[in-house]
C-alpha atoms as a PDB file:
ATOM      1  CA  MET A   1     -23.483 -66.927 -38.143  1.00  0.00           C
ATOM      2  CA  LYS A   2     -20.936 -66.150 -40.841  1.00  0.00           C
ATOM      3  CA  LEU A   3     -22.807 -62.942 -41.707  1.00  0.00           C
ATOM      4  CA  LEU A   4     -22.844 -61.885 -38.047  1.00  0.00           C
ATOM      5  CA  SER A   5     -19.094 -62.523 -37.745  1.00  0.00           C
ATOM      6  CA  MET A   6     -18.436 -60.427 -40.845  1.00  0.00           C
ATOM      7  CA  LEU A   7     -20.488 -57.519 -39.437  1.00  0.00           C
ATOM      8  CA  VAL A   8     -18.564 -57.609 -36.138  1.00  0.00           C
ATOM      9  CA  LEU A   9     -15.271 -57.675 -38.008  1.00  0.00           C
ATOM     10  CA  VAL A  10     -16.226 -54.713 -40.225  1.00  0.00           C
ATOM     11  CA  THR A  11     -17.425 -52.689 -37.193  1.00  0.00           C
ATOM     12  CA  THR A  12     -14.180 -53.356 -35.351  1.00  0.00           C
ATOM     13  CA  VAL A  13     -12.084 -52.223 -38.309  1.00  0.00           C
ATOM     14  CA  ILE A  14     -14.113 -48.984 -38.667  1.00  0.00           C
ATOM     15  CA  LEU A  15     -13.664 -48.176 -34.969  1.00  0.00           C
ATOM     16  CA  LEU A  16      -9.932 -48.785 -35.193  1.00  0.00           C
ATOM     17  CA  VAL A  17      -9.646 -46.436 -38.183  1.00  0.00           C
ATOM     18  CA  LEU A  18     -11.618 -43.679 -36.448  1.00  0.00           C
ATOM     19  CA  SER A  19      -9.557 -43.920 -33.285  1.00  0.00           C
ATOM     20  CA  CYS A  20      -6.298 -43.602 -35.199  1.00  0.00           C
ATOM     21  CA  ASN A  21      -7.420 -40.700 -37.384  1.00  0.00           C
ATOM     22  CA  PRO A  22      -6.828 -37.290 -35.682  1.00  0.00           C
ATOM     23  CA  ALA A  23      -9.614 -35.771 -37.712  1.00  0.00           C
ATOM     24  CA  PHE A  24     -12.048 -37.921 -35.805  1.00  0.00           C
ATOM     25  CA  SER A  25     -10.523 -37.578 -32.347  1.00  0.00           C
ATOM     26  CA  VAL A  26     -13.009 -37.872 -29.495  1.00  0.00           C
ATOM     27  CA  ASP A  27     -11.128 -35.248 -27.438  1.00  0.00           C
ATOM     28  CA  PRO A  28     -13.003 -31.920 -27.341  1.00  0.00           C
ATOM     29  CA  PRO A  29     -11.379 -29.119 -29.352  1.00  0.00           C
ATOM     30  CA  LYS A  30      -9.580 -26.413 -27.386  1.00  0.00           C
ATOM     31  CA  ALA A  31     -11.790 -23.370 -26.919  1.00  0.00           C
ATOM     32  CA  ALA A  32     -10.676 -20.289 -28.741  1.00  0.00           C
ATOM     33  CA  SER A  33     -10.979 -18.289 -25.542  1.00  0.00           C
ATOM     34  CA  GLU A  34      -8.827 -20.635 -23.485  1.00  0.00           C
ATOM     35  CA  PRO A  35      -5.630 -18.833 -22.368  1.00  0.00           C
ATOM     36  CA  THR A  36      -2.358 -20.103 -23.743  1.00  0.00           C
ATOM     37  CA  ALA A  37      -0.211 -21.284 -20.841  1.00  0.00           C
ATOM     38  CA  SER A  38       2.982 -20.662 -22.809  1.00  0.00           C
ATOM     39  CA  ILE A  39       2.474 -16.887 -22.916  1.00  0.00           C
ATOM     40  CA  SER A  40       5.037 -15.281 -20.614  1.00  0.00           C
ATOM     41  CA  LYS A  41       6.636 -11.908 -20.142  1.00  0.00           C
ATOM     42  CA  GLU A  42       9.987 -13.291 -21.273  1.00  0.00           C
ATOM     43  CA  LYS A  43       8.471 -14.690 -24.473  1.00  0.00           C
ATOM     44  CA  LEU A  44       6.724 -11.418 -25.257  1.00  0.00           C
ATOM     45  CA  GLU A  45       9.888  -9.397 -24.646  1.00  0.00           C
ATOM     46  CA  ALA A  46      11.749 -11.750 -26.982  1.00  0.00           C
ATOM     47  CA  LYS A  47       9.059 -11.166 -29.614  1.00  0.00           C
ATOM     48  CA  ILE A  48       9.517  -7.402 -29.312  1.00  0.00           C
ATOM     49  CA  LYS A  49      13.275  -7.747 -29.896  1.00  0.00           C
ATOM     50  CA  GLU A  50      12.601 -10.068 -32.810  1.00  0.00           C
ATOM     51  CA  VAL A  51      10.287  -7.516 -34.413  1.00  0.00           C
ATOM     52  CA  GLU A  52      12.764  -4.700 -33.881  1.00  0.00           C
ATOM     53  CA  ALA A  53      15.496  -6.749 -35.560  1.00  0.00           C
ATOM     54  CA  THR A  54      13.367  -7.680 -38.586  1.00  0.00           C
ATOM     55  CA  ALA A  55      14.515  -5.808 -41.676  1.00  0.00           C
ATOM     56  CA  ASP A  56      11.786  -6.809 -44.170  1.00  0.00           C
ATOM     57  CA  MET A  57       8.816  -5.395 -42.215  1.00  0.00           C
ATOM     58  CA  ASP A  58       7.369  -1.925 -42.577  1.00  0.00           C
ATOM     59  CA  GLU A  59       7.500   0.419 -39.596  1.00  0.00           C
ATOM     60  CA  ALA A  60       3.718   0.597 -39.191  1.00  0.00           C
ATOM     61  CA  MET A  61       3.487  -3.173 -38.724  1.00  0.00           C
ATOM     62  CA  LYS A  62       6.455  -3.149 -36.351  1.00  0.00           C
ATOM     63  CA  LYS A  63       4.756  -0.489 -34.257  1.00  0.00           C
ATOM     64  CA  LYS A  64       1.473  -2.396 -34.228  1.00  0.00           C
ATOM     65  CA  LEU A  65       3.091  -5.660 -33.143  1.00  0.00           C
ATOM     66  CA  THR A  66       5.207  -3.959 -30.503  1.00  0.00           C
ATOM     67  CA  GLU A  67       2.134  -2.258 -29.044  1.00  0.00           C
ATOM     68  CA  LEU A  68       0.242  -5.558 -28.892  1.00  0.00           C
ATOM     69  CA  TYR A  69       3.136  -7.384 -27.227  1.00  0.00           C
ATOM     70  CA  SER A  70       3.627  -4.534 -24.752  1.00  0.00           C
ATOM     71  CA  LYS A  71      -0.072  -4.517 -23.924  1.00  0.00           C
ATOM     72  CA  ALA A  72       0.045  -8.251 -23.294  1.00  0.00           C
ATOM     73  CA  ILE A  73       2.998  -7.725 -20.938  1.00  0.00           C
ATOM     74  CA  SER A  74       1.069  -5.084 -19.001  1.00  0.00           C
ATOM     75  CA  HIS A  75      -1.856  -7.506 -18.725  1.00  0.00           C
ATOM     76  CA  LEU A  76       0.417 -10.182 -17.281  1.00  0.00           C
ATOM     77  CA  GLU A  77       1.802  -7.685 -14.774  1.00  0.00           C
ATOM     78  CA  ALA A  78      -1.749  -6.670 -13.812  1.00  0.00           C
ATOM     79  CA  GLU A  79      -2.664 -10.325 -13.396  1.00  0.00           C
ATOM     80  CA  ARG A  80       0.279 -10.830 -11.043  1.00  0.00           C
ATOM     81  CA  SER A  81      -0.568  -7.707  -9.048  1.00  0.00           C
ATOM     82  CA  ASN A  82      -4.260  -8.582  -8.776  1.00  0.00           C
ATOM     83  CA  SER A  83      -3.456 -12.129  -7.709  1.00  0.00           C
ATOM     84  CA  GLY A  84      -1.201 -10.808  -4.963  1.00  0.00           C
ATOM     85  CA  ALA A  85      -3.879  -8.373  -3.792  1.00  0.00           C
ATOM     86  CA  ALA A  86      -6.487 -11.134  -3.780  1.00  0.00           C
ATOM     87  CA  GLU A  87      -4.214 -13.252  -1.610  1.00  0.00           C
ATOM     88  CA  SER A  88      -3.677 -10.347   0.797  1.00  0.00           C
ATOM     89  CA  PHE A  89      -7.412  -9.724   1.099  1.00  0.00           C
ATOM     90  CA  GLY A  90      -7.969 -13.417   1.692  1.00  0.00           C
ATOM     91  CA  GLN A  91      -5.391 -13.426   4.470  1.00  0.00           C
ATOM     92  CA  ALA A  92      -7.026 -10.353   6.009  1.00  0.00           C
ATOM     93  CA  ARG A  93     -10.289 -12.262   6.317  1.00  0.00           C
ATOM     94  CA  GLU A  94      -8.464 -14.802   8.447  1.00  0.00           C
ATOM     95  CA  THR A  95      -6.125 -12.594  10.498  1.00  0.00           C
ATOM     96  CA  ALA A  96      -7.901  -9.227  10.922  1.00  0.00           C
ATOM     97  CA  PRO A  97     -10.528 -10.422  13.447  1.00  0.00           C
ATOM     98  CA  ALA A  98      -7.884 -11.884  15.752  1.00  0.00           C
ATOM     99  CA  GLN A  99      -5.740  -8.749  15.504  1.00  0.00           C
ATOM    100  CA  ALA A 100      -8.695  -6.510  16.286  1.00  0.00           C
ATOM    101  CA  LYS A 101      -9.623  -8.671  19.271  1.00  0.00           C
ATOM    102  CA  GLU A 102      -6.078  -8.472  20.638  1.00  0.00           C
ATOM    103  CA  ILE A 103      -5.940  -4.668  20.322  1.00  0.00           C
ATOM    104  CA  ARG A 104      -9.338  -4.299  22.013  1.00  0.00           C
ATOM    105  CA  ALA A 105      -8.101  -6.406  24.909  1.00  0.00           C
ATOM    106  CA  GLU A 106      -5.062  -4.123  25.267  1.00  0.00           C
ATOM    107  CA  LEU A 107      -7.240  -1.021  25.260  1.00  0.00           C
ATOM    108  CA  GLU A 108      -9.652  -2.486  27.797  1.00  0.00           C
ATOM    109  CA  GLU A 109      -6.743  -3.394  30.053  1.00  0.00           C
ATOM    110  CA  ALA A 110      -5.310   0.110  29.732  1.00  0.00           C
ATOM    111  CA  GLU A 111      -8.670   1.623  30.656  1.00  0.00           C
ATOM    112  CA  LYS A 112      -8.663  -0.262  33.948  1.00  0.00           C
ATOM    113  CA  ALA A 113      -5.379   1.334  35.080  1.00  0.00           C
ATOM    114  CA  PRO A 114      -5.309   4.993  36.194  1.00  0.00           C
ATOM    115  CA  PRO A 115      -3.941   7.283  33.441  1.00  0.00           C
ATOM    116  CA  THR A 116      -0.410   8.146  34.545  1.00  0.00           C
ATOM    117  CA  VAL A 117       1.994   9.970  32.264  1.00  0.00           C
ATOM    118  CA  THR A 118       5.556  10.561  33.421  1.00  0.00           C
ATOM    119  CA  VAL A 119       8.760  11.899  31.946  1.00  0.00           C
ATOM    120  CA  SER A 120      12.285  10.609  32.401  1.00  0.00           C
ATOM    121  CA  VAL A 121      13.816  13.984  33.422  1.00  0.00           C
ATOM    122  CA  THR A 122      13.902  15.690  36.792  1.00  0.00           C
ATOM    123  CA  GLU A 123      14.687  19.130  38.139  1.00  0.00           C
ATOM    124  CA  GLU A 124      18.316  18.062  38.434  1.00  0.00           C
ATOM    125  CA  THR A 125      18.590  17.055  34.777  1.00  0.00           C
ATOM    126  CA  PRO A 126      20.825  19.485  32.863  1.00  0.00           C
ATOM    127  CA  LEU A 127      18.860  21.970  30.803  1.00  0.00           C
ATOM    128  CA  PRO A 128      20.319  20.823  27.417  1.00  0.00           C
ATOM    129  CA  GLU A 129      19.163  17.259  28.146  1.00  0.00           C
ATOM    130  CA  VAL A 130      15.664  18.482  28.947  1.00  0.00           C
ATOM    131  CA  GLU A 131      15.589  20.429  25.686  1.00  0.00           C
ATOM    132  CA  GLN A 132      16.770  17.367  23.729  1.00  0.00           C
ATOM    133  CA  GLN A 133      14.184  15.162  25.403  1.00  0.00           C
ATOM    134  CA  LEU A 134      11.457  17.637  24.477  1.00  0.00           C
ATOM    135  CA  LEU A 135      12.573  17.646  20.829  1.00  0.00           C
ATOM    136  CA  THR A 136      12.529  13.829  20.795  1.00  0.00           C
ATOM    137  CA  GLU A 137       9.031  13.602  22.241  1.00  0.00           C
ATOM    138  CA  GLU A 138       7.758  16.276  19.857  1.00  0.00           C
ATOM    139  CA  ALA A 139       9.106  14.232  16.935  1.00  0.00           C
ATOM    140  CA  ASN A 140       7.454  11.082  18.301  1.00  0.00           C
ATOM    141  CA  LEU A 141       4.183  12.941  18.697  1.00  0.00           C
ATOM    142  CA  ALA A 142       4.337  14.249  15.116  1.00  0.00           C
ATOM    143  CA  ALA A 143       4.968  10.722  13.797  1.00  0.00           C
ATOM    144  CA  VAL A 144       2.038   9.251  15.709  1.00  0.00           C
ATOM    145  CA  GLN A 145      -0.228  12.129  14.648  1.00  0.00           C
ATOM    146  CA  ALA A 146       0.714  11.407  11.026  1.00  0.00           C
ATOM    147  CA  LYS A 147      -0.154   7.746  11.537  1.00  0.00           C
ATOM    148  CA  LEU A 148      -3.504   8.711  13.019  1.00  0.00           C
ATOM    149  CA  ALA A 149      -4.229  10.977  10.057  1.00  0.00           C
ATOM    150  CA  ASP A 150      -3.380   8.110   7.686  1.00  0.00           C
ATOM    151  CA  LEU A 151      -5.749   5.736   9.489  1.00  0.00           C
ATOM    152  CA  ASN A 152      -8.535   8.309   9.296  1.00  0.00           C
ATOM    153  CA  GLU A 153      -7.900   8.703   5.567  1.00  0.00           C
ATOM    154  CA  GLN A 154      -8.044   4.934   5.072  1.00  0.00           C
ATOM    155  CA  LEU A 155     -11.332   4.706   6.933  1.00  0.00           C
ATOM    156  CA  LYS A 156     -12.714   7.590   4.903  1.00  0.00           C
ATOM    157  CA  ALA A 157     -11.716   5.857   1.677  1.00  0.00           C
ATOM    158  CA  GLN A 158     -13.330   2.590   2.789  1.00  0.00           C
ATOM    159  CA  ALA A 159     -16.699   4.286   3.240  1.00  0.00           C
ATOM    160  CA  ASP A 160     -17.368   4.439  -0.515  1.00  0.00           C
ATOM    161  CA  ARG A 161     -15.139   1.574  -1.586  1.00  0.00           C
ATOM    162  CA  PRO A 162     -17.787  -1.219  -1.675  1.00  0.00           C
ATOM    163  CA  THR A 163     -19.906   0.702  -4.195  1.00  0.00           C
ATOM    164  CA  ALA A 164     -16.918   1.377  -6.442  1.00  0.00           C
ATOM    165  CA  ALA A 165     -15.718  -2.233  -6.169  1.00  0.00           C
ATOM    166  CA  ARG A 166     -19.129  -3.637  -7.116  1.00  0.00           C
ATOM    167  CA  GLN A 167     -19.354  -1.316 -10.091  1.00  0.00           C
ATOM    168  CA  ARG A 168     -15.920  -2.359 -11.298  1.00  0.00           C
ATOM    169  CA  LEU A 169     -16.842  -6.008 -10.722  1.00  0.00           C
ATOM    170  CA  THR A 170     -19.821  -5.611 -13.040  1.00  0.00           C
ATOM    171  CA  GLU A 171     -17.655  -3.945 -15.681  1.00  0.00           C
ATOM    172  CA  ALA A 172     -14.969  -6.634 -15.437  1.00  0.00           C
ATOM    173  CA  ASN A 173     -17.468  -9.474 -15.821  1.00  0.00           C
ATOM    174  CA  GLN A 174     -19.026  -7.760 -18.817  1.00  0.00           C
ATOM    175  CA  ARG A 175     -15.650  -7.246 -20.430  1.00  0.00           C
ATOM    176  CA  LYS A 176     -14.760 -10.894 -19.790  1.00  0.00           C
ATOM    177  CA  GLU A 177     -17.846 -11.981 -21.758  1.00  0.00           C
ATOM    178  CA  GLU A 178     -16.914  -9.622 -24.569  1.00  0.00           C
ATOM    179  CA  LEU A 179     -13.447 -11.154 -24.721  1.00  0.00           C
ATOM    180  CA  VAL A 180     -14.912 -14.610 -25.188  1.00  0.00           C
ATOM    181  CA  GLU A 181     -16.847 -13.392 -28.223  1.00  0.00           C
ATOM    182  CA  GLU A 182     -13.850 -11.514 -29.631  1.00  0.00           C
ATOM    183  CA  LEU A 183     -11.677 -14.602 -29.383  1.00  0.00           C
ATOM    184  CA  LYS A 184     -14.256 -16.601 -31.335  1.00  0.00           C
ATOM    185  CA  GLN A 185     -13.999 -14.252 -34.297  1.00  0.00           C
ATOM    186  CA  PRO A 186     -11.831 -15.563 -37.174  1.00  0.00           C
ATOM    187  CA  ALA A 187      -8.840 -13.558 -38.288  1.00  0.00           C
ATOM    188  CA  PRO A 188      -9.396 -11.259 -41.267  1.00  0.00           C
ATOM    189  CA  GLU A 189      -8.506 -12.852 -44.590  1.00  0.00           C
ATOM    190  CA  GLY A 190      -4.939 -12.180 -45.605  1.00  0.00           C
ATOM    191  CA  GLU A 191      -3.869 -10.933 -42.146  1.00  0.00           C
ATOM    192  CA  LEU A 192      -0.240 -11.461 -41.236  1.00  0.00           C
ATOM    193  CA  PRO A 193       0.024 -14.590 -39.037  1.00  0.00           C
ATOM    194  CA  ALA A 194       2.263 -12.761 -36.569  1.00  0.00           C
ATOM    195  CA  LEU A 195      -0.386 -10.061 -36.196  1.00  0.00           C
ATOM    196  CA  THR A 196      -3.128 -12.645 -35.662  1.00  0.00           C
ATOM    197  CA  GLU A 197      -1.044 -14.325 -32.985  1.00  0.00           C
ATOM    198  CA  ALA A 198      -0.222 -11.028 -31.262  1.00  0.00           C
ATOM    199  CA  MET A 199      -3.879  -9.979 -31.265  1.00  0.00           C
ATOM    200  CA  ARG A 200      -4.896 -13.287 -29.715  1.00  0.00           C
ATOM    201  CA  TRP A 201      -2.199 -13.072 -27.047  1.00  0.00           C
ATOM    202  CA  ARG A 202      -3.321  -9.573 -26.165  1.00  0.00           C
ATOM    203  CA  LEU A 203      -6.907 -10.750 -25.722  1.00  0.00           C
ATOM    204  CA  GLN A 204      -5.933 -13.878 -23.794  1.00  0.00           C
ATOM    205  CA  THR A 205      -3.680 -12.014 -21.387  1.00  0.00           C
ATOM    206  CA  GLU A 206      -6.424  -9.440 -20.850  1.00  0.00           C
ATOM    207  CA  GLY A 207      -8.668 -12.331 -19.878  1.00  0.00           C
ATOM    208  CA  LEU A 208      -6.087 -13.513 -17.369  1.00  0.00           C
ATOM    209  CA  ALA A 209      -5.864 -10.045 -15.856  1.00  0.00           C
ATOM    210  CA  LEU A 210      -9.652  -9.751 -15.666  1.00  0.00           C
ATOM    211  CA  ARG A 211     -10.077 -13.100 -13.943  1.00  0.00           C
ATOM    212  CA  ALA A 212      -7.461 -12.129 -11.375  1.00  0.00           C
ATOM    213  CA  GLU A 213      -9.099  -8.725 -10.890  1.00  0.00           C
ATOM    214  CA  ILE A 214     -12.535 -10.293 -10.413  1.00  0.00           C
ATOM    215  CA  LYS A 215     -11.126 -12.633  -7.793  1.00  0.00           C
ATOM    216  CA  MET A 216      -9.368  -9.705  -6.113  1.00  0.00           C
ATOM    217  CA  LEU A 217     -12.563  -7.629  -6.021  1.00  0.00           C
ATOM    218  CA  ASP A 218     -14.523 -10.554  -4.580  1.00  0.00           C
ATOM    219  CA  GLN A 219     -11.959 -11.000  -1.816  1.00  0.00           C
ATOM    220  CA  GLU A 220     -11.865  -7.253  -1.192  1.00  0.00           C
ATOM    221  CA  LEU A 221     -15.625  -7.108  -0.658  1.00  0.00           C
ATOM    222  CA  LEU A 222     -15.643 -10.219   1.517  1.00  0.00           C
ATOM    223  CA  SER A 223     -12.812  -8.944   3.719  1.00  0.00           C
ATOM    224  CA  GLN A 224     -13.936  -5.306   3.895  1.00  0.00           C
ATOM    225  CA  PRO A 225     -15.898  -5.532   7.193  1.00  0.00           C
ATOM    226  CA  MET A 226     -12.972  -7.251   8.933  1.00  0.00           C
ATOM    227  CA  ARG A 227     -10.433  -4.780   7.606  1.00  0.00           C
ATOM    228  CA  VAL A 228     -12.546  -1.753   8.552  1.00  0.00           C
ATOM    229  CA  ASP A 229     -13.047  -3.106  12.054  1.00  0.00           C
ATOM    230  CA  LEU A 230      -9.285  -3.550  12.416  1.00  0.00           C
ATOM    231  CA  LEU A 231      -8.656  -0.009  11.162  1.00  0.00           C
ATOM    232  CA  LYS A 232     -11.060   1.377  13.747  1.00  0.00           C
ATOM    233  CA  VAL A 233      -9.408  -0.322  16.716  1.00  0.00           C
ATOM    234  CA  GLN A 234      -5.973   0.639  15.372  1.00  0.00           C
ATOM    235  CA  ARG A 235      -7.201   4.232  15.233  1.00  0.00           C
ATOM    236  CA  ASP A 236      -8.418   3.979  18.840  1.00  0.00           C
ATOM    237  CA  LYS A 237      -5.022   2.683  19.932  1.00  0.00           C
ATOM    238  CA  VAL A 238      -3.107   5.381  18.069  1.00  0.00           C
ATOM    239  CA  THR A 239      -5.474   8.037  19.420  1.00  0.00           C
ATOM    240  CA  ARG A 240      -4.574   6.939  22.931  1.00  0.00           C
ATOM    241  CA  SER A 241      -0.877   7.147  22.051  1.00  0.00           C
ATOM    242  CA  VAL A 242      -1.370  10.683  20.721  1.00  0.00           C
ATOM    243  CA  GLU A 243      -3.032  11.694  23.975  1.00  0.00           C
ATOM    244  CA  ASN A 244      -0.249  10.175  26.094  1.00  0.00           C
ATOM    245  CA  LEU A 245       2.551  11.658  24.011  1.00  0.00           C
ATOM    246  CA  GLY A 246       0.799  15.027  24.021  1.00  0.00           C
ATOM    247  CA  GLU A 247       0.713  14.946  27.806  1.00  0.00           C
ATOM    248  CA  GLN A 248       4.406  14.033  27.948  1.00  0.00           C
ATOM    249  CA  VAL A 249       5.247  16.966  25.681  1.00  0.00           C
ATOM    250  CA  ARG A 250       3.190  19.276  27.886  1.00  0.00           C
ATOM    251  CA  LEU A 251       4.983  18.081  31.042  1.00  0.00           C
ATOM    252  CA  LEU A 252       8.375  18.558  29.422  1.00  0.00           C
ATOM    253  CA  GLU A 253       7.419  22.019  28.196  1.00  0.00           C
ATOM    254  CA  ASP A 254       6.302  23.004  31.696  1.00  0.00           C
ATOM    255  CA  LEU A 255       9.484  21.645  33.231  1.00  0.00           C
ATOM    256  CA  LEU A 256      11.650  23.311  30.623  1.00  0.00           C
ATOM    257  CA  ASN A 257       9.882  26.655  31.038  1.00  0.00           C
ATOM    258  CA  GLN A 258      10.258  26.486  34.800  1.00  0.00           C
ATOM    259  CA  ARG A 259      13.951  25.672  34.477  1.00  0.00           C
ATOM    260  CA  ARG A 260      14.402  28.606  32.106  1.00  0.00           C
ATOM    261  CA  ARG A 261      12.557  30.952  34.466  1.00  0.00           C
ATOM    262  CA  ASP A 262      14.718  29.792  37.354  1.00  0.00           C
ATOM    263  CA  LYS A 263      17.825  30.361  35.299  1.00  0.00           C
ATOM    264  CA  ALA A 264      16.662  33.832  34.278  1.00  0.00           C
ATOM    265  CA  GLU A 265      15.831  34.818  37.879  1.00  0.00           C
ATOM    266  CA  LYS A 266      19.218  33.618  39.029  1.00  0.00           C
ATOM    267  CA  ALA A 267      20.872  35.692  36.278  1.00  0.00           C
ATOM    268  CA  VAL A 268      18.926  38.773  37.470  1.00  0.00           C
ATOM    269  CA  GLU A 269      20.036  38.201  41.057  1.00  0.00           C
ATOM    270  CA  GLU A 270      23.652  37.815  39.979  1.00  0.00           C
ATOM    271  CA  ALA A 271      23.412  40.967  37.860  1.00  0.00           C
ATOM    272  CA  GLU A 272      21.950  42.965  40.742  1.00  0.00           C
ATOM    273  CA  GLU A 273      24.707  41.688  43.030  1.00  0.00           C
ATOM    274  CA  ALA A 274      27.322  42.721  40.481  1.00  0.00           C
ATOM    275  CA  LYS A 275      25.657  46.141  40.207  1.00  0.00           C
ATOM    276  CA  ARG A 276      25.879  46.633  43.957  1.00  0.00           C
ATOM    277  CA  GLU A 277      29.500  45.570  44.004  1.00  0.00           C
ATOM    278  CA  ALA A 278      30.273  48.069  41.193  1.00  0.00           C
ATOM    279  CA  ALA A 279      29.040  51.008  43.259  1.00  0.00           C
ATOM    280  CA  GLY A 280      31.878  53.477  43.921  1.00  0.00           C
ATOM    281  CA  LYS A 281      34.079  51.927  41.252  1.00  0.00           C
ATOM    282  CA  HIS A 282      35.084  53.341  37.885  1.00  0.00           C
ATOM    283  CA  PRO A 283      32.105  54.807  35.948  1.00  0.00           C
ATOM    284  CA  VAL A 284      32.714  52.381  33.055  1.00  0.00           C
ATOM    285  CA  ILE A 285      32.408  49.392  35.404  1.00  0.00           C
ATOM    286  CA  GLN A 286      29.253  50.823  36.925  1.00  0.00           C
ATOM    287  CA  LYS A 287      27.738  51.381  33.480  1.00  0.00           C
ATOM    288  CA  MET A 288      28.526  47.812  32.383  1.00  0.00           C
ATOM    289  CA  ALA A 289      26.996  46.431  35.578  1.00  0.00           C
ATOM    290  CA  GLU A 290      23.839  48.493  35.066  1.00  0.00           C
ATOM    291  CA  GLU A 291      23.494  47.370  31.444  1.00  0.00           C
ATOM    292  CA  ASN A 292      23.996  43.764  32.454  1.00  0.00           C
ATOM    293  CA  ALA A 293      21.304  44.082  35.105  1.00  0.00           C
ATOM    294  CA  THR A 294      18.907  45.649  32.578  1.00  0.00           C
ATOM    295  CA  LEU A 295      19.527  42.867  30.046  1.00  0.00           C
ATOM    296  CA  SER A 296      19.027  40.185  32.672  1.00  0.00           C
ATOM    297  CA  GLU A 297      15.702  41.714  33.680  1.00  0.00           C
ATOM    298  CA  GLN A 298      14.568  41.824  30.036  1.00  0.00           C
ATOM    299  CA  LEU A 299      15.563  38.188  29.567  1.00  0.00           C
ATOM    300  CA  LYS A 300      13.578  37.250  32.648  1.00  0.00           C
ATOM    301  CA  ASN A 301      10.499  39.012  31.322  1.00  0.00           C
ATOM    302  CA  LEU A 302      10.827  37.326  27.934  1.00  0.00           C
ATOM    303  CA  THR A 303      11.220  33.939  29.576  1.00  0.00           C
END
């Protein structure tokens, strides 16, 4: 019994020593490829200023460190951009179907009603107002036509996008695996600690950017059918607007041309009346009346 008690006591002491010694910690070591959470744009920018202010460092090393820090900053910015894009694509998966359904319902309702296009001017509207209204509608038509062209371009771009996205997804995953291996490599003997740290930060931030890009590409591919469907119904709606605005412009042009013809005919009648009244008067007055009548007739023909 005494021997058994001694063995238990010795075992307990050994376990206590192991648990207190960091060299024998049971916690798993941090993977070399695990990103450092403390890397931030602000920290990297501070490092760049620190390098620039260092007097006892050769220019080649300064340039190398600055490039590595700058590259890490660009990776962090890419990670932020890709994360935002991934979130937008994810939201599109949820919202695009409902939006497309709503637009289709509007178009179906519009198809039921007879196509009537009217303008807000009449024959009594002053000619300058008609001209201004025509300019306004022409501008509206140009804007909607530009929107339609943009939608067509987006749809055209989406046709080949899945293939390109899958290819980039393959490349990104391959590069991510390469990064893991690169981060496992020990630093060259005698390398400046600051350079080792900068190299590791550059690799780790590239890994962050790649993970965000991979997530973004996944969400893009998943949401692509919904987004394309929404683009198509938006194009149908804008196409209908182009047709309606085009008809409004045509009606205004017809009205404006008629008003101009009426005005020209009235000017010809007034000129002929003035010509008749000038008969028997001074030759200069008669000549002016004849020239006025000729000009009025030419204006009418041009109109």
